[in-house]
Amino acid sequence: MLTPEARQAMLARLQQLPDAAEAAVRGLSDTQLDTPCGEGEWTVRQVVHHLADAHMNGFIRMKLILTEEQPTLKPYDQDEWAKLRDSAELPIRAALSILAGLHERWSGLLEALPEWSWRRSATHPETGIVTLDDLLVTYARHGEAHLRQITGLRAAKGW
């Protein structure tokens, strides 16, 4: 279980993601957005859309934990989702807008929770028992890891 201070630090990291995502892709052309982040990896465009998809799932998972007793969280095939047209071809503006609105709601929800709420948990078929604290850490780190992919590619390509 996180300390209240560590939790606040994770919340701050989660809150910063939309602005950091905007900055990471600012000025990229369609050709650059369609460049894979590495050998056999998703394109920048797919990564941005994935962030919106994954974080929507994270928000819903947290709401399930808060409103149901020991729910089972549904996994999804993120690689298959990344191949769908909305992730592989459409402009990233919608995904960035989703991130901004979603993280505003997510932060508003999490900031007001009583301490005991953070011990609530769910079962994830692939990873086992997860608490609200666990998911907060997972999604704060998740966003940062994907932004490092994008900024690392930009640095390597000199964009």
C-alpha atoms as a PDB file:
ATOM      1  CA  MET A   1       0.000   0.000   0.000  1.00  0.00           C
ATOM      2  CA  LEU A   2       1.281   3.444  -0.905  1.00  0.00           C
ATOM      3  CA  THR A   3       1.782   6.130   1.684  1.00  0.00           C
ATOM      4  CA  PRO A   4      -0.433   9.173   1.206  1.00  0.00           C
ATOM      5  CA  GLU A   5       2.644  11.117   0.035  1.00  0.00           C
ATOM      6  CA  ALA A   6       3.664   8.464  -2.497  1.00  0.00           C
ATOM      7  CA  ARG A   7       0.072   8.292  -3.727  1.00  0.00           C
ATOM      8  CA  GLN A   8      -0.017  12.052  -4.250  1.00  0.00           C
ATOM      9  CA  ALA A   9       3.212  11.823  -6.236  1.00  0.00           C
ATOM     10  CA  MET A  10       1.687   9.098  -8.447  1.00  0.00           C
ATOM     11  CA  LEU A  11      -1.486  11.141  -8.893  1.00  0.00           C
ATOM     12  CA  ALA A  12       0.610  14.116  -9.982  1.00  0.00           C
ATOM     13  CA  ARG A  13       2.408  11.931 -12.526  1.00  0.00           C
ATOM     14  CA  LEU A  14      -0.924  10.670 -13.857  1.00  0.00           C
ATOM     15  CA  GLN A  15      -2.272  14.229 -14.079  1.00  0.00           C
ATOM     16  CA  GLN A  16       0.720  15.376 -16.128  1.00  0.00           C
ATOM     17  CA  LEU A  17       0.300  12.778 -18.863  1.00  0.00           C
ATOM     18  CA  PRO A  18      -2.037  14.688 -21.215  1.00  0.00           C
ATOM     19  CA  ASP A  19       0.216  17.755 -21.362  1.00  0.00           C
ATOM     20  CA  ALA A  20       3.316  15.584 -21.681  1.00  0.00           C
ATOM     21  CA  ALA A  21       1.697  13.605 -24.514  1.00  0.00           C
ATOM     22  CA  GLU A  22       0.803  16.824 -26.348  1.00  0.00           C
ATOM     23  CA  ALA A  23       4.388  18.026 -25.996  1.00  0.00           C
ATOM     24  CA  ALA A  24       5.856  14.673 -27.099  1.00  0.00           C
ATOM     25  CA  VAL A  25       4.018  14.721 -30.443  1.00  0.00           C
ATOM     26  CA  ARG A  26       3.886  18.453 -31.105  1.00  0.00           C
ATOM     27  CA  GLY A  27       4.897  19.285 -34.657  1.00  0.00           C
ATOM     28  CA  LEU A  28       5.158  15.713 -35.943  1.00  0.00           C
ATOM     29  CA  SER A  29       4.067  15.110 -39.532  1.00  0.00           C
ATOM     30  CA  ASP A  30       1.882  12.203 -40.615  1.00  0.00           C
ATOM     31  CA  THR A  31       4.991  10.464 -41.922  1.00  0.00           C
ATOM     32  CA  GLN A  32       6.665  10.836 -38.535  1.00  0.00           C
ATOM     33  CA  LEU A  33       3.512   9.688 -36.714  1.00  0.00           C
ATOM     34  CA  ASP A  34       3.502   6.577 -38.894  1.00  0.00           C
ATOM     35  CA  THR A  35       7.101   5.705 -37.999  1.00  0.00           C
ATOM     36  CA  PRO A  36       7.492   2.660 -35.738  1.00  0.00           C
ATOM     37  CA  CYS A  37       9.021   3.437 -32.345  1.00  0.00           C
ATOM     38  CA  GLY A  38      11.430   0.563 -32.894  1.00  0.00           C
ATOM     39  CA  GLU A  39      11.893  -2.676 -34.802  1.00  0.00           C
ATOM     40  CA  GLY A  40       8.557  -4.503 -34.774  1.00  0.00           C
ATOM     41  CA  GLU A  41       6.953  -1.903 -32.492  1.00  0.00           C
ATOM     42  CA  TRP A  42       3.877   0.252 -32.879  1.00  0.00           C
ATOM     43  CA  THR A  43       4.002   3.550 -34.724  1.00  0.00           C
ATOM     44  CA  VAL A  44       3.886   6.821 -32.823  1.00  0.00           C
ATOM     45  CA  ARG A  45       0.258   7.179 -33.955  1.00  0.00           C
ATOM     46  CA  GLN A  46      -0.626   3.745 -32.556  1.00  0.00           C
ATOM     47  CA  VAL A  47       1.122   4.531 -29.264  1.00  0.00           C
ATOM     48  CA  VAL A  48      -0.901   7.731 -28.806  1.00  0.00           C
ATOM     49  CA  HIS A  49      -4.162   5.932 -29.562  1.00  0.00           C
ATOM     50  CA  HIS A  50      -3.087   3.078 -27.276  1.00  0.00           C
ATOM     51  CA  LEU A  51      -2.596   5.522 -24.410  1.00  0.00           C
ATOM     52  CA  ALA A  52      -6.203   6.659 -24.769  1.00  0.00           C
ATOM     53  CA  ASP A  53      -7.464   3.063 -25.032  1.00  0.00           C
ATOM     54  CA  ALA A  54      -5.415   1.755 -22.114  1.00  0.00           C
ATOM     55  CA  HIS A  55      -6.190   4.667 -19.837  1.00  0.00           C
ATOM     56  CA  MET A  56      -9.917   4.443 -20.581  1.00  0.00           C
ATOM     57  CA  ASN A  57      -9.674   0.812 -19.532  1.00  0.00           C
ATOM     58  CA  GLY A  58      -7.739   1.837 -16.413  1.00  0.00           C
ATOM     59  CA  PHE A  59     -10.357   4.409 -15.442  1.00  0.00           C
ATOM     60  CA  ILE A  60     -13.156   1.880 -15.895  1.00  0.00           C
ATOM     61  CA  ARG A  61     -11.231  -0.752 -13.950  1.00  0.00           C
ATOM     62  CA  MET A  62     -10.820   1.650 -11.053  1.00  0.00           C
ATOM     63  CA  LYS A  63     -14.517   2.530 -11.108  1.00  0.00           C
ATOM     64  CA  LEU A  64     -15.386  -1.172 -11.050  1.00  0.00           C
ATOM     65  CA  ILE A  65     -13.154  -1.645  -7.996  1.00  0.00           C
ATOM     66  CA  LEU A  66     -14.857   1.293  -6.282  1.00  0.00           C
ATOM     67  CA  THR A  67     -18.401   0.161  -7.024  1.00  0.00           C
ATOM     68  CA  GLU A  68     -18.313  -3.647  -6.938  1.00  0.00           C
ATOM     69  CA  GLU A  69     -17.037  -6.217  -4.464  1.00  0.00           C
ATOM     70  CA  GLN A  70     -13.925  -7.929  -5.816  1.00  0.00           C
ATOM     71  CA  PRO A  71     -14.816  -7.565  -9.525  1.00  0.00           C
ATOM     72  CA  THR A  72     -13.037  -9.488 -12.238  1.00  0.00           C
ATOM     73  CA  LEU A  73     -11.283  -7.132 -14.647  1.00  0.00           C
ATOM     74  CA  LYS A  74     -11.454  -7.956 -18.329  1.00  0.00           C
ATOM     75  CA  PRO A  75      -8.176  -8.166 -20.232  1.00  0.00           C
ATOM     76  CA  TYR A  76      -7.997  -7.096 -23.874  1.00  0.00           C
ATOM     77  CA  ASP A  77      -5.587  -7.737 -26.716  1.00  0.00           C
ATOM     78  CA  GLN A  78      -3.823  -4.397 -27.046  1.00  0.00           C
ATOM     79  CA  ASP A  79      -1.886  -5.517 -30.126  1.00  0.00           C
ATOM     80  CA  GLU A  80      -5.110  -6.332 -31.955  1.00  0.00           C
ATOM     81  CA  TRP A  81      -6.634  -3.018 -30.825  1.00  0.00           C
ATOM     82  CA  ALA A  82      -3.576  -1.189 -32.224  1.00  0.00           C
ATOM     83  CA  LYS A  83      -4.213  -2.739 -35.650  1.00  0.00           C
ATOM     84  CA  LEU A  84      -7.768  -1.386 -35.869  1.00  0.00           C
ATOM     85  CA  ARG A  85      -8.291   1.585 -38.196  1.00  0.00           C
ATOM     86  CA  ASP A  86      -8.994   4.084 -35.406  1.00  0.00           C
ATOM     87  CA  SER A  87      -5.557   3.368 -33.924  1.00  0.00           C
ATOM     88  CA  ALA A  88      -3.553   2.733 -37.059  1.00  0.00           C
ATOM     89  CA  GLU A  89      -4.841   5.459 -39.376  1.00  0.00           C
ATOM     90  CA  LEU A  90      -6.926   8.194 -37.777  1.00  0.00           C
ATOM     91  CA  PRO A  91      -5.506  11.526 -36.586  1.00  0.00           C
ATOM     92  CA  ILE A  92      -4.227  11.622 -33.017  1.00  0.00           C
ATOM     93  CA  ARG A  93      -6.199  14.738 -32.074  1.00  0.00           C
ATOM     94  CA  ALA A  94      -9.141  12.678 -30.779  1.00  0.00           C
ATOM     95  CA  ALA A  95      -6.871  10.463 -28.669  1.00  0.00           C
ATOM     96  CA  LEU A  96      -5.170  13.517 -27.157  1.00  0.00           C
ATOM     97  CA  SER A  97      -8.583  15.040 -26.402  1.00  0.00           C
ATOM     98  CA  ILE A  98      -9.696  11.803 -24.775  1.00  0.00           C
ATOM     99  CA  LEU A  99      -6.578  11.787 -22.610  1.00  0.00           C
ATOM    100  CA  ALA A 100      -7.158  15.375 -21.497  1.00  0.00           C
ATOM    101  CA  GLY A 101     -10.806  14.861 -20.553  1.00  0.00           C
ATOM    102  CA  LEU A 102     -10.273  11.417 -19.108  1.00  0.00           C
ATOM    103  CA  HIS A 103      -7.372  12.441 -16.899  1.00  0.00           C
ATOM    104  CA  GLU A 104      -9.323  15.437 -15.615  1.00  0.00           C
ATOM    105  CA  ARG A 105     -12.160  13.116 -14.558  1.00  0.00           C
ATOM    106  CA  TRP A 106      -9.779  10.443 -13.297  1.00  0.00           C
ATOM    107  CA  SER A 107      -7.880  12.931 -11.140  1.00  0.00           C
ATOM    108  CA  GLY A 108     -11.102  14.379  -9.781  1.00  0.00           C
ATOM    109  CA  LEU A 109     -12.267  10.911  -8.797  1.00  0.00           C
ATOM    110  CA  LEU A 110      -9.034   9.756  -7.206  1.00  0.00           C
ATOM    111  CA  GLU A 111      -8.164  12.937  -5.324  1.00  0.00           C
ATOM    112  CA  ALA A 112     -11.317  12.760  -3.227  1.00  0.00           C
ATOM    113  CA  LEU A 113     -11.161   9.106  -2.177  1.00  0.00           C
ATOM    114  CA  PRO A 114     -11.001   8.192   1.493  1.00  0.00           C
ATOM    115  CA  GLU A 115      -7.897   6.283   2.586  1.00  0.00           C
ATOM    116  CA  TRP A 116      -9.700   2.934   2.952  1.00  0.00           C
ATOM    117  CA  SER A 117     -10.724   3.001  -0.729  1.00  0.00           C
ATOM    118  CA  TRP A 118      -7.156   2.441  -1.815  1.00  0.00           C
ATOM    119  CA  ARG A 119      -7.192  -1.057  -0.291  1.00  0.00           C
ATOM    120  CA  ARG A 120     -10.133  -2.156  -2.444  1.00  0.00           C
ATOM    121  CA  SER A 121      -9.189  -4.774  -4.987  1.00  0.00           C
ATOM    122  CA  ALA A 122     -10.163  -6.794  -8.028  1.00  0.00           C
ATOM    123  CA  THR A 123      -9.014  -9.924  -9.774  1.00  0.00           C
ATOM    124  CA  HIS A 124      -7.253  -9.623 -13.085  1.00  0.00           C
ATOM    125  CA  PRO A 125      -7.166 -13.004 -14.893  1.00  0.00           C
ATOM    126  CA  GLU A 126      -3.578 -12.458 -16.056  1.00  0.00           C
ATOM    127  CA  THR A 127      -2.007 -10.785 -13.014  1.00  0.00           C
ATOM    128  CA  GLY A 128      -4.119 -11.846 -10.032  1.00  0.00           C
ATOM    129  CA  ILE A 129      -5.301  -9.565  -7.229  1.00  0.00           C
ATOM    130  CA  VAL A 130      -4.763  -5.847  -7.847  1.00  0.00           C
ATOM    131  CA  THR A 131      -5.613  -2.936  -5.573  1.00  0.00           C
ATOM    132  CA  LEU A 132      -6.541   0.596  -6.486  1.00  0.00           C
ATOM    133  CA  ASP A 133      -3.043   1.632  -5.389  1.00  0.00           C
ATOM    134  CA  ASP A 134      -1.548  -0.968  -7.734  1.00  0.00           C
ATOM    135  CA  LEU A 135      -3.524   0.376 -10.678  1.00  0.00           C
ATOM    136  CA  LEU A 136      -2.555   3.969  -9.901  1.00  0.00           C
ATOM    137  CA  VAL A 137       1.131   3.019 -10.036  1.00  0.00           C
ATOM    138  CA  THR A 138       0.611   0.908 -13.159  1.00  0.00           C
ATOM    139  CA  TYR A 139      -1.099   3.634 -15.177  1.00  0.00           C
ATOM    140  CA  ALA A 140       1.170   6.474 -14.020  1.00  0.00           C
ATOM    141  CA  ARG A 141       4.199   4.447 -15.109  1.00  0.00           C
ATOM    142  CA  HIS A 142       2.469   3.143 -18.240  1.00  0.00           C
ATOM    143  CA  GLY A 143       1.936   6.604 -19.687  1.00  0.00           C
ATOM    144  CA  GLU A 144       5.473   7.685 -18.919  1.00  0.00           C
ATOM    145  CA  ALA A 145       6.961   4.563 -20.506  1.00  0.00           C
ATOM    146  CA  HIS A 146       5.125   5.149 -23.774  1.00  0.00           C
ATOM    147  CA  LEU A 147       6.068   8.813 -23.838  1.00  0.00           C
ATOM    148  CA  ARG A 148       9.710   7.773 -23.438  1.00  0.00           C
ATOM    149  CA  GLN A 149       9.273   5.621 -26.561  1.00  0.00           C
ATOM    150  CA  ILE A 150       8.105   8.663 -28.516  1.00  0.00           C
ATOM    151  CA  THR A 151      10.675  11.104 -27.146  1.00  0.00           C
ATOM    152  CA  GLY A 152      13.421   8.511 -27.590  1.00  0.00           C
ATOM    153  CA  LEU A 153      12.469   8.063 -31.234  1.00  0.00           C
ATOM    154  CA  ARG A 154      12.385  11.834 -31.726  1.00  0.00           C
ATOM    155  CA  ALA A 155      15.839  12.149 -30.223  1.00  0.00           C
ATOM    156  CA  ALA A 156      17.231   9.264 -32.290  1.00  0.00           C
ATOM    157  CA  LYS A 157      15.787  10.700 -35.511  1.00  0.00           C
ATOM    158  CA  GLY A 158      16.633  14.303 -34.688  1.00  0.00           C
ATOM    159  CA  TRP A 159      13.002  15.439 -34.973  1.00  0.00           C
END
